[in-house]
Amino acid sequence: MKRRTVYFVSDQTGVTAETVGHSVLAQFANLEVREVTLPFISSTEKAREAVQRIDRTAEEEGVRPIVFSTLVEDESRIIVMECNALFLDCFAGMVDPLERELERRSAHRTGRSHPVADAAYTLRMDAINYALANDDGGGGEYGRADVVLVGVSRSGKTPTCLYMALQYGVFAANYPLTDDDLEKGVLPPRLDAHRKKLYALTIRPERLRQIREERRPQSRYASPQQVQYEIRAAEGIFARYGVATLDTTEMSIEELASRILSDAGVERRLRP
């Protein structure tokens, strides 16, 4: 299948169009795409410029692009709809039925937000700041945590914590097991008091070695012997204390976060 160019067109940052687009495109295996985001299309002039760019892509590539749009201002949306592309309106399928159900017309203006959005933004920022402050064993304020990820270095703890904070407003901390922890074979005291919040991440030795080799080539840290020892010792601790464990080797960050929150029974305070 020929590579397709995908445009995310928005009158704001384009994050919503990207999120929807990525979720939909993920349903099509082995689809090769080139992504282009066109944010802040806030005037008819910019809308026409966007159309020119999209049409030029269609002509140059010999196949029409795919457009995910979150444009809400009618005039700009009508202009972009005329482009030589598959135009997918991310809002129309929801706004129109809501207008009929609520018996009122929506604002159809850019920059509109519900008051709840302000609280959601604050919660999201608090969760992100918490994840950063309690990353890699820092902070240690686990009493406030919804979940504490534990595992060896480079097993996927930090990106998973940040994703849960950003997408769901979850307060997630993480702790990397050190050589000292592994040699003792017990949970560190700072974690032992929060066993109910612990969730362990493990990873196959060959994958961990590859990740570490990219970070510190030809080091003891990335050696097969060190990697195998750490994983074996860590999994022994998890089994001894009955800590729920998830293998991250072939899982995306999105899948990891969803599985952890579901298995641990952690409430999603926000929806992406």
C-alpha atoms as a PDB file:
ATOM      1  CA  MET A   1       0.000   0.000   0.000  1.00  0.00           C
ATOM      2  CA  LYS A   2       1.312   3.427  -0.936  1.00  0.00           C
ATOM      3  CA  ARG A   3       2.247   5.768   1.879  1.00  0.00           C
ATOM      4  CA  ARG A   4      -0.486   8.269   2.677  1.00  0.00           C
ATOM      5  CA  THR A   5      -0.066  11.794   3.964  1.00  0.00           C
ATOM      6  CA  VAL A   6      -2.303  12.575   6.933  1.00  0.00           C
ATOM      7  CA  TYR A   7      -3.156  16.158   7.875  1.00  0.00           C
ATOM      8  CA  PHE A   8      -4.376  17.164  11.316  1.00  0.00           C
ATOM      9  CA  VAL A   9      -6.165  20.495  10.870  1.00  0.00           C
ATOM     10  CA  SER A  10      -7.317  22.579  13.809  1.00  0.00           C
ATOM     11  CA  ASP A  11      -8.169  26.117  14.862  1.00  0.00           C
ATOM     12  CA  GLN A  12      -6.284  25.438  18.093  1.00  0.00           C
ATOM     13  CA  THR A  13      -3.157  23.369  18.856  1.00  0.00           C
ATOM     14  CA  GLY A  14      -4.162  20.274  16.872  1.00  0.00           C
ATOM     15  CA  VAL A  15      -3.710  17.908  19.827  1.00  0.00           C
ATOM     16  CA  THR A  16      -7.319  16.692  19.701  1.00  0.00           C
ATOM     17  CA  ALA A  17      -7.169  16.032  15.964  1.00  0.00           C
ATOM     18  CA  GLU A  18      -3.896  14.143  16.447  1.00  0.00           C
ATOM     19  CA  THR A  19      -5.306  12.064  19.301  1.00  0.00           C
ATOM     20  CA  VAL A  20      -8.416  11.078  17.357  1.00  0.00           C
ATOM     21  CA  GLY A  21      -6.446  10.476  14.183  1.00  0.00           C
ATOM     22  CA  HIS A  22      -3.856   8.283  15.848  1.00  0.00           C
ATOM     23  CA  SER A  23      -6.540   6.188  17.525  1.00  0.00           C
ATOM     24  CA  VAL A  24      -8.328   5.602  14.226  1.00  0.00           C
ATOM     25  CA  LEU A  25      -5.209   4.966  12.145  1.00  0.00           C
ATOM     26  CA  ALA A  26      -3.950   2.460  14.707  1.00  0.00           C
ATOM     27  CA  GLN A  27      -6.757   0.154  13.557  1.00  0.00           C
ATOM     28  CA  PHE A  28      -5.053  -0.278  10.173  1.00  0.00           C
ATOM     29  CA  ALA A  29      -2.014  -2.523  10.474  1.00  0.00           C
ATOM     30  CA  ASN A  30       1.117  -1.755   8.449  1.00  0.00           C
ATOM     31  CA  LEU A  31      -0.257   1.544   7.179  1.00  0.00           C
ATOM     32  CA  GLU A  32       2.636   3.868   6.386  1.00  0.00           C
ATOM     33  CA  VAL A  33       1.779   7.531   6.871  1.00  0.00           C
ATOM     34  CA  ARG A  34       3.420  10.925   6.792  1.00  0.00           C
ATOM     35  CA  GLU A  35       1.888  13.182   9.409  1.00  0.00           C
ATOM     36  CA  VAL A  36       1.455  16.945   9.042  1.00  0.00           C
ATOM     37  CA  THR A  37      -0.214  19.129  11.661  1.00  0.00           C
ATOM     38  CA  LEU A  38      -1.745  22.446  10.620  1.00  0.00           C
ATOM     39  CA  PRO A  39      -2.666  24.244  13.857  1.00  0.00           C
ATOM     40  CA  PHE A  40      -4.313  27.618  14.467  1.00  0.00           C
ATOM     41  CA  ILE A  41      -6.321  27.746  11.246  1.00  0.00           C
ATOM     42  CA  SER A  42      -8.283  30.649  12.681  1.00  0.00           C
ATOM     43  CA  SER A  43      -9.254  32.649   9.581  1.00  0.00           C
ATOM     44  CA  THR A  44     -10.607  32.068   6.114  1.00  0.00           C
ATOM     45  CA  GLU A  45      -7.246  33.139   4.687  1.00  0.00           C
ATOM     46  CA  LYS A  46      -5.425  30.456   6.651  1.00  0.00           C
ATOM     47  CA  ALA A  47      -8.084  27.948   5.691  1.00  0.00           C
ATOM     48  CA  ARG A  48      -7.457  28.642   1.990  1.00  0.00           C
ATOM     49  CA  GLU A  49      -3.705  28.317   2.534  1.00  0.00           C
ATOM     50  CA  ALA A  50      -4.303  24.941   4.165  1.00  0.00           C
ATOM     51  CA  VAL A  51      -6.387  23.824   1.185  1.00  0.00           C
ATOM     52  CA  GLN A  52      -3.628  24.862  -1.218  1.00  0.00           C
ATOM     53  CA  ARG A  53      -1.092  22.851   0.733  1.00  0.00           C
ATOM     54  CA  ILE A  54      -3.313  19.779   0.925  1.00  0.00           C
ATOM     55  CA  ASP A  55      -4.169  19.964  -2.777  1.00  0.00           C
ATOM     56  CA  ARG A  56      -0.491  20.332  -3.663  1.00  0.00           C
ATOM     57  CA  THR A  57       0.258  17.161  -1.713  1.00  0.00           C
ATOM     58  CA  ALA A  58      -2.472  15.287  -3.581  1.00  0.00           C
ATOM     59  CA  GLU A  59      -1.035  16.403  -6.917  1.00  0.00           C
ATOM     60  CA  GLU A  60       2.586  15.619  -6.022  1.00  0.00           C
ATOM     61  CA  GLU A  61       1.906  12.221  -4.473  1.00  0.00           C
ATOM     62  CA  GLY A  62      -0.770  11.054  -6.889  1.00  0.00           C
ATOM     63  CA  VAL A  63      -3.099  10.020  -4.090  1.00  0.00           C
ATOM     64  CA  ARG A  64      -5.316  12.229  -1.999  1.00  0.00           C
ATOM     65  CA  PRO A  65      -4.328  12.870   1.617  1.00  0.00           C
ATOM     66  CA  ILE A  66      -6.429  12.092   4.670  1.00  0.00           C
ATOM     67  CA  VAL A  67      -7.561  15.059   6.766  1.00  0.00           C
ATOM     68  CA  PHE A  68      -8.637  14.865  10.408  1.00  0.00           C
ATOM     69  CA  SER A  69     -10.297  18.159  11.267  1.00  0.00           C
ATOM     70  CA  THR A  70     -11.379  19.728  14.543  1.00  0.00           C
ATOM     71  CA  LEU A  71     -12.347  23.032  12.974  1.00  0.00           C
ATOM     72  CA  VAL A  72     -15.448  24.409  14.677  1.00  0.00           C
ATOM     73  CA  GLU A  73     -15.907  27.729  12.895  1.00  0.00           C
ATOM     74  CA  ASP A  74     -18.312  27.044  10.035  1.00  0.00           C
ATOM     75  CA  GLU A  75     -16.758  29.311   7.410  1.00  0.00           C
ATOM     76  CA  SER A  76     -13.260  27.878   7.755  1.00  0.00           C
ATOM     77  CA  ARG A  77     -14.531  24.315   7.923  1.00  0.00           C
ATOM     78  CA  ILE A  78     -16.567  24.686   4.720  1.00  0.00           C
ATOM     79  CA  ILE A  79     -13.490  26.003   2.903  1.00  0.00           C
ATOM     80  CA  VAL A  80     -11.239  23.131   4.045  1.00  0.00           C
ATOM     81  CA  MET A  81     -13.919  20.560   3.220  1.00  0.00           C
ATOM     82  CA  GLU A  82     -13.398  21.459  -0.466  1.00  0.00           C
ATOM     83  CA  CYS A  83      -9.807  20.202  -0.473  1.00  0.00           C
ATOM     84  CA  ASN A  84      -8.783  17.218  -2.582  1.00  0.00           C
ATOM     85  CA  ALA A  85      -8.654  14.812   0.350  1.00  0.00           C
ATOM     86  CA  LEU A  86     -10.672  12.425   2.465  1.00  0.00           C
ATOM     87  CA  PHE A  87     -12.049  14.963   4.944  1.00  0.00           C
ATOM     88  CA  LEU A  88     -12.946  13.524   8.356  1.00  0.00           C
ATOM     89  CA  ASP A  89     -14.690  15.917  10.717  1.00  0.00           C
ATOM     90  CA  CYS A  90     -13.893  14.819  14.281  1.00  0.00           C
ATOM     91  CA  PHE A  91     -16.693  16.909  15.783  1.00  0.00           C
ATOM     92  CA  ALA A  92     -19.616  16.755  13.333  1.00  0.00           C
ATOM     93  CA  GLY A  93     -20.647  13.243  14.329  1.00  0.00           C
ATOM     94  CA  MET A  94     -21.063  14.381  17.949  1.00  0.00           C
ATOM     95  CA  VAL A  95     -22.053  18.044  17.747  1.00  0.00           C
ATOM     96  CA  ASP A  96     -24.989  17.578  15.359  1.00  0.00           C
ATOM     97  CA  PRO A  97     -26.711  14.847  17.421  1.00  0.00           C
ATOM     98  CA  LEU A  98     -26.109  16.874  20.601  1.00  0.00           C
ATOM     99  CA  GLU A  99     -27.718  19.941  19.047  1.00  0.00           C
ATOM    100  CA  ARG A 100     -30.793  17.860  18.239  1.00  0.00           C
ATOM    101  CA  GLU A 101     -30.901  16.218  21.654  1.00  0.00           C
ATOM    102  CA  LEU A 102     -30.377  19.438  23.626  1.00  0.00           C
ATOM    103  CA  GLU A 103     -32.566  21.426  21.229  1.00  0.00           C
ATOM    104  CA  ARG A 104     -30.033  24.198  21.006  1.00  0.00           C
ATOM    105  CA  ARG A 105     -27.267  25.173  18.631  1.00  0.00           C
ATOM    106  CA  SER A 106     -23.660  24.927  19.728  1.00  0.00           C
ATOM    107  CA  ALA A 107     -21.410  28.007  19.760  1.00  0.00           C
ATOM    108  CA  HIS A 108     -19.428  26.956  16.656  1.00  0.00           C
ATOM    109  CA  ARG A 109     -16.660  29.268  17.838  1.00  0.00           C
ATOM    110  CA  THR A 110     -13.009  28.583  18.506  1.00  0.00           C
ATOM    111  CA  GLY A 111     -11.431  28.715  21.914  1.00  0.00           C
ATOM    112  CA  ARG A 112     -14.600  27.678  23.760  1.00  0.00           C
ATOM    113  CA  SER A 113     -14.204  25.604  26.921  1.00  0.00           C
ATOM    114  CA  HIS A 114     -16.448  24.349  29.635  1.00  0.00           C
ATOM    115  CA  PRO A 115     -15.581  25.486  33.185  1.00  0.00           C
ATOM    116  CA  VAL A 116     -14.723  21.878  33.972  1.00  0.00           C
ATOM    117  CA  ALA A 117     -11.800  22.202  31.564  1.00  0.00           C
ATOM    118  CA  ASP A 118     -10.036  24.626  33.893  1.00  0.00           C
ATOM    119  CA  ALA A 119     -10.203  22.161  36.765  1.00  0.00           C
ATOM    120  CA  ALA A 120      -9.085  19.370  34.441  1.00  0.00           C
ATOM    121  CA  TYR A 121      -6.096  21.410  33.277  1.00  0.00           C
ATOM    122  CA  THR A 122      -5.053  22.114  36.867  1.00  0.00           C
ATOM    123  CA  LEU A 123      -5.382  18.455  37.811  1.00  0.00           C
ATOM    124  CA  ARG A 124      -3.385  17.367  34.784  1.00  0.00           C
ATOM    125  CA  MET A 125      -0.562  19.793  35.602  1.00  0.00           C
ATOM    126  CA  ASP A 126      -0.534  18.708  39.250  1.00  0.00           C
ATOM    127  CA  ALA A 127      -0.288  15.071  38.205  1.00  0.00           C
ATOM    128  CA  ILE A 128       2.547  15.777  35.766  1.00  0.00           C
ATOM    129  CA  ASN A 129       4.483  17.790  38.345  1.00  0.00           C
ATOM    130  CA  TYR A 130       3.997  14.984  40.851  1.00  0.00           C
ATOM    131  CA  ALA A 131       5.303  12.387  38.389  1.00  0.00           C
ATOM    132  CA  LEU A 132       8.388  14.497  37.674  1.00  0.00           C
ATOM    133  CA  ALA A 133       9.068  15.174  41.355  1.00  0.00           C
ATOM    134  CA  ASN A 134       8.739  11.476  42.194  1.00  0.00           C
ATOM    135  CA  ASP A 135      10.586  10.090  39.186  1.00  0.00           C
ATOM    136  CA  ASP A 136      13.415   7.578  39.495  1.00  0.00           C
ATOM    137  CA  GLY A 137      13.122   7.294  43.261  1.00  0.00           C
ATOM    138  CA  GLY A 138      13.088  11.034  43.823  1.00  0.00           C
ATOM    139  CA  GLY A 139      10.699  12.751  46.166  1.00  0.00           C
ATOM    140  CA  GLY A 140       9.345   9.675  47.872  1.00  0.00           C
ATOM    141  CA  GLU A 141       5.976  11.278  48.618  1.00  0.00           C
ATOM    142  CA  TYR A 142       4.176   8.001  48.023  1.00  0.00           C
ATOM    143  CA  GLY A 143       1.295   8.708  50.370  1.00  0.00           C
ATOM    144  CA  ARG A 144      -0.241  10.868  47.654  1.00  0.00           C
ATOM    145  CA  ALA A 145       0.400   8.357  44.885  1.00  0.00           C
ATOM    146  CA  ASP A 146      -2.359   6.436  43.129  1.00  0.00           C
ATOM    147  CA  VAL A 147       0.204   3.916  41.915  1.00  0.00           C
ATOM    148  CA  VAL A 148       3.963   3.401  42.339  1.00  0.00           C
ATOM    149  CA  LEU A 149       5.760   1.625  39.500  1.00  0.00           C
ATOM    150  CA  VAL A 150       8.808  -0.399  40.452  1.00  0.00           C
ATOM    151  CA  GLY A 151      11.349  -2.205  38.282  1.00  0.00           C
ATOM    152  CA  VAL A 152      14.915  -2.224  37.045  1.00  0.00           C
ATOM    153  CA  SER A 153      16.368   0.733  35.197  1.00  0.00           C
ATOM    154  CA  ARG A 154      14.987   1.314  31.661  1.00  0.00           C
ATOM    155  CA  SER A 155      11.997  -1.006  32.003  1.00  0.00           C
ATOM    156  CA  GLY A 156       9.515   1.721  31.007  1.00  0.00           C
ATOM    157  CA  LYS A 157       8.566   3.288  34.328  1.00  0.00           C
ATOM    158  CA  THR A 158       9.091   6.996  33.624  1.00  0.00           C
ATOM    159  CA  PRO A 159       7.222   7.312  30.286  1.00  0.00           C
ATOM    160  CA  THR A 160       4.347   5.250  31.649  1.00  0.00           C
ATOM    161  CA  CYS A 161       4.022   7.467  34.733  1.00  0.00           C
ATOM    162  CA  LEU A 162       4.066  10.636  32.638  1.00  0.00           C
ATOM    163  CA  TYR A 163       1.500   9.224  30.217  1.00  0.00           C
ATOM    164  CA  MET A 164      -0.875   8.311  33.044  1.00  0.00           C
ATOM    165  CA  ALA A 165      -0.467  11.793  34.504  1.00  0.00           C
ATOM    166  CA  LEU A 166      -1.011  13.584  31.204  1.00  0.00           C
ATOM    167  CA  GLN A 167      -3.879  11.494  29.881  1.00  0.00           C
ATOM    168  CA  TYR A 168      -5.714  10.479  33.042  1.00  0.00           C
ATOM    169  CA  GLY A 169      -4.671  12.862  35.819  1.00  0.00           C
ATOM    170  CA  VAL A 170      -3.277   9.909  37.782  1.00  0.00           C
ATOM    171  CA  PHE A 171      -0.621  10.556  40.429  1.00  0.00           C
ATOM    172  CA  ALA A 172       2.058   8.027  39.504  1.00  0.00           C
ATOM    173  CA  ALA A 173       5.508   7.676  41.077  1.00  0.00           C
ATOM    174  CA  ASN A 174       8.262   5.252  40.176  1.00  0.00           C
ATOM    175  CA  TYR A 175      11.208   3.626  41.884  1.00  0.00           C
ATOM    176  CA  PRO A 176      14.169   1.911  40.160  1.00  0.00           C
ATOM    177  CA  LEU A 177      15.551  -1.095  42.033  1.00  0.00           C
ATOM    178  CA  THR A 178      19.258  -0.536  42.675  1.00  0.00           C
ATOM    179  CA  ASP A 179      22.051  -3.109  42.902  1.00  0.00           C
ATOM    180  CA  ASP A 180      21.845  -2.796  46.669  1.00  0.00           C
ATOM    181  CA  ASP A 181      18.105  -3.517  46.627  1.00  0.00           C
ATOM    182  CA  LEU A 182      18.610  -6.511  44.356  1.00  0.00           C
ATOM    183  CA  GLU A 183      21.420  -7.959  46.443  1.00  0.00           C
ATOM    184  CA  LYS A 184      19.299  -7.768  49.607  1.00  0.00           C
ATOM    185  CA  GLY A 185      16.366  -9.369  47.830  1.00  0.00           C
ATOM    186  CA  VAL A 186      13.779  -7.361  49.741  1.00  0.00           C
ATOM    187  CA  LEU A 187      11.553  -4.401  49.066  1.00  0.00           C
ATOM    188  CA  PRO A 188      13.182  -1.096  50.028  1.00  0.00           C
ATOM    189  CA  PRO A 189      11.671   0.243  53.291  1.00  0.00           C
ATOM    190  CA  ARG A 190      10.223   3.300  51.528  1.00  0.00           C
ATOM    191  CA  LEU A 191       8.209   0.973  49.273  1.00  0.00           C
ATOM    192  CA  ASP A 192       7.265  -1.613  51.871  1.00  0.00           C
ATOM    193  CA  ALA A 193       4.855   0.810  53.547  1.00  0.00           C
ATOM    194  CA  HIS A 194       2.967   1.251  50.257  1.00  0.00           C
ATOM    195  CA  ARG A 195       2.670  -2.328  49.024  1.00  0.00           C
ATOM    196  CA  LYS A 196      -0.956  -1.904  47.968  1.00  0.00           C
ATOM    197  CA  LYS A 197       0.072   0.839  45.518  1.00  0.00           C
ATOM    198  CA  LEU A 198       2.962  -1.065  43.938  1.00  0.00           C
ATOM    199  CA  TYR A 199       2.907  -2.323  40.374  1.00  0.00           C
ATOM    200  CA  ALA A 200       5.989  -3.947  38.902  1.00  0.00           C
ATOM    201  CA  LEU A 201       7.321  -3.693  35.365  1.00  0.00           C
ATOM    202  CA  THR A 202       9.623  -6.321  33.926  1.00  0.00           C
ATOM    203  CA  ILE A 203      11.106  -6.801  30.471  1.00  0.00           C
ATOM    204  CA  ARG A 204      12.845  -9.526  28.485  1.00  0.00           C
ATOM    205  CA  PRO A 205      16.647  -9.519  28.914  1.00  0.00           C
ATOM    206  CA  GLU A 206      17.447  -9.185  25.219  1.00  0.00           C
ATOM    207  CA  ARG A 207      15.210  -6.117  24.849  1.00  0.00           C
ATOM    208  CA  LEU A 208      16.556  -4.468  27.990  1.00  0.00           C
ATOM    209  CA  ARG A 209      20.114  -5.071  26.863  1.00  0.00           C
ATOM    210  CA  GLN A 210      19.323  -3.417  23.514  1.00  0.00           C
ATOM    211  CA  ILE A 211      17.833  -0.354  25.228  1.00  0.00           C
ATOM    212  CA  ARG A 212      20.749  -0.003  27.616  1.00  0.00           C
ATOM    213  CA  GLU A 213      23.304  -0.531  24.870  1.00  0.00           C
ATOM    214  CA  GLU A 214      21.881   2.496  23.059  1.00  0.00           C
ATOM    215  CA  ARG A 215      22.223   4.528  26.232  1.00  0.00           C
ATOM    216  CA  ARG A 216      25.632   3.294  27.434  1.00  0.00           C
ATOM    217  CA  PRO A 217      27.371   1.263  24.717  1.00  0.00           C
ATOM    218  CA  GLN A 218      29.721  -1.553  25.795  1.00  0.00           C
ATOM    219  CA  SER A 219      29.173  -0.906  29.492  1.00  0.00           C
ATOM    220  CA  ARG A 220      28.625  -3.274  32.399  1.00  0.00           C
ATOM    221  CA  TYR A 221      25.212  -1.639  32.717  1.00  0.00           C
ATOM    222  CA  ALA A 222      24.281  -3.048  29.288  1.00  0.00           C
ATOM    223  CA  SER A 223      26.078  -6.391  29.530  1.00  0.00           C
ATOM    224  CA  PRO A 224      24.045  -9.600  29.105  1.00  0.00           C
ATOM    225  CA  GLN A 225      25.177 -10.865  32.508  1.00  0.00           C
ATOM    226  CA  GLN A 226      24.118  -7.691  34.370  1.00  0.00           C
ATOM    227  CA  VAL A 227      20.800  -7.480  32.580  1.00  0.00           C
ATOM    228  CA  GLN A 228      19.910 -11.104  33.251  1.00  0.00           C
ATOM    229  CA  TYR A 229      20.942 -10.823  36.900  1.00  0.00           C
ATOM    230  CA  GLU A 230      18.865  -7.684  37.507  1.00  0.00           C
ATOM    231  CA  ILE A 231      15.728  -9.058  35.901  1.00  0.00           C
ATOM    232  CA  ARG A 232      16.006 -12.397  37.693  1.00  0.00           C
ATOM    233  CA  ALA A 233      16.598 -10.724  41.067  1.00  0.00           C
ATOM    234  CA  ALA A 234      13.814  -8.171  40.544  1.00  0.00           C
ATOM    235  CA  GLU A 235      11.271 -10.798  39.529  1.00  0.00           C
ATOM    236  CA  GLY A 236      12.252 -12.790  42.612  1.00  0.00           C
ATOM    237  CA  ILE A 237      11.400  -9.791  44.820  1.00  0.00           C
ATOM    238  CA  PHE A 238       8.093  -9.229  43.036  1.00  0.00           C
ATOM    239  CA  ALA A 239       7.124 -12.872  43.496  1.00  0.00           C
ATOM    240  CA  ARG A 240       8.172 -12.896  47.152  1.00  0.00           C
ATOM    241  CA  TYR A 241       5.981  -9.923  47.990  1.00  0.00           C
ATOM    242  CA  GLY A 242       3.134 -10.726  45.629  1.00  0.00           C
ATOM    243  CA  VAL A 243       3.534  -7.551  43.565  1.00  0.00           C
ATOM    244  CA  ALA A 244       1.479  -7.551  40.341  1.00  0.00           C
ATOM    245  CA  THR A 245       3.862  -7.641  37.388  1.00  0.00           C
ATOM    246  CA  LEU A 246       3.564  -6.707  33.727  1.00  0.00           C
ATOM    247  CA  ASP A 247       6.013  -7.502  30.924  1.00  0.00           C
ATOM    248  CA  THR A 248       6.638  -4.320  28.926  1.00  0.00           C
ATOM    249  CA  THR A 249       8.642  -5.892  26.101  1.00  0.00           C
ATOM    250  CA  GLU A 250       6.021  -5.743  23.366  1.00  0.00           C
ATOM    251  CA  MET A 251       3.557  -3.250  24.813  1.00  0.00           C
ATOM    252  CA  SER A 252       3.040   0.383  23.879  1.00  0.00           C
ATOM    253  CA  ILE A 253       2.907   3.070  26.557  1.00  0.00           C
ATOM    254  CA  GLU A 254      -0.827   3.421  25.946  1.00  0.00           C
ATOM    255  CA  GLU A 255      -1.388  -0.305  26.499  1.00  0.00           C
ATOM    256  CA  LEU A 256       0.811  -0.346  29.593  1.00  0.00           C
ATOM    257  CA  ALA A 257      -1.020   2.552  31.201  1.00  0.00           C
ATOM    258  CA  SER A 258      -4.443   1.089  30.465  1.00  0.00           C
ATOM    259  CA  ARG A 259      -3.518  -2.357  31.785  1.00  0.00           C
ATOM    260  CA  ILE A 260      -1.943  -0.983  34.947  1.00  0.00           C
ATOM    261  CA  LEU A 261      -4.878   1.254  35.799  1.00  0.00           C
ATOM    262  CA  SER A 262      -7.345  -1.538  35.120  1.00  0.00           C
ATOM    263  CA  ASP A 263      -5.453  -4.235  37.036  1.00  0.00           C
ATOM    264  CA  ALA A 264      -4.643  -1.943  39.960  1.00  0.00           C
ATOM    265  CA  GLY A 265      -8.186  -0.574  40.119  1.00  0.00           C
ATOM    266  CA  VAL A 266      -6.942   3.012  39.852  1.00  0.00           C
ATOM    267  CA  GLU A 267      -9.603   5.562  38.938  1.00  0.00           C
ATOM    268  CA  ARG A 268      -9.026   7.641  35.831  1.00  0.00           C
ATOM    269  CA  ARG A 269      -9.654  11.199  37.006  1.00  0.00           C
ATOM    270  CA  LEU A 270      -9.568  12.525  33.438  1.00  0.00           C
ATOM    271  CA  ARG A 271     -10.435  11.195  30.029  1.00  0.00           C
ATOM    272  CA  PRO A 272      -8.089  11.873  27.088  1.00  0.00           C
END
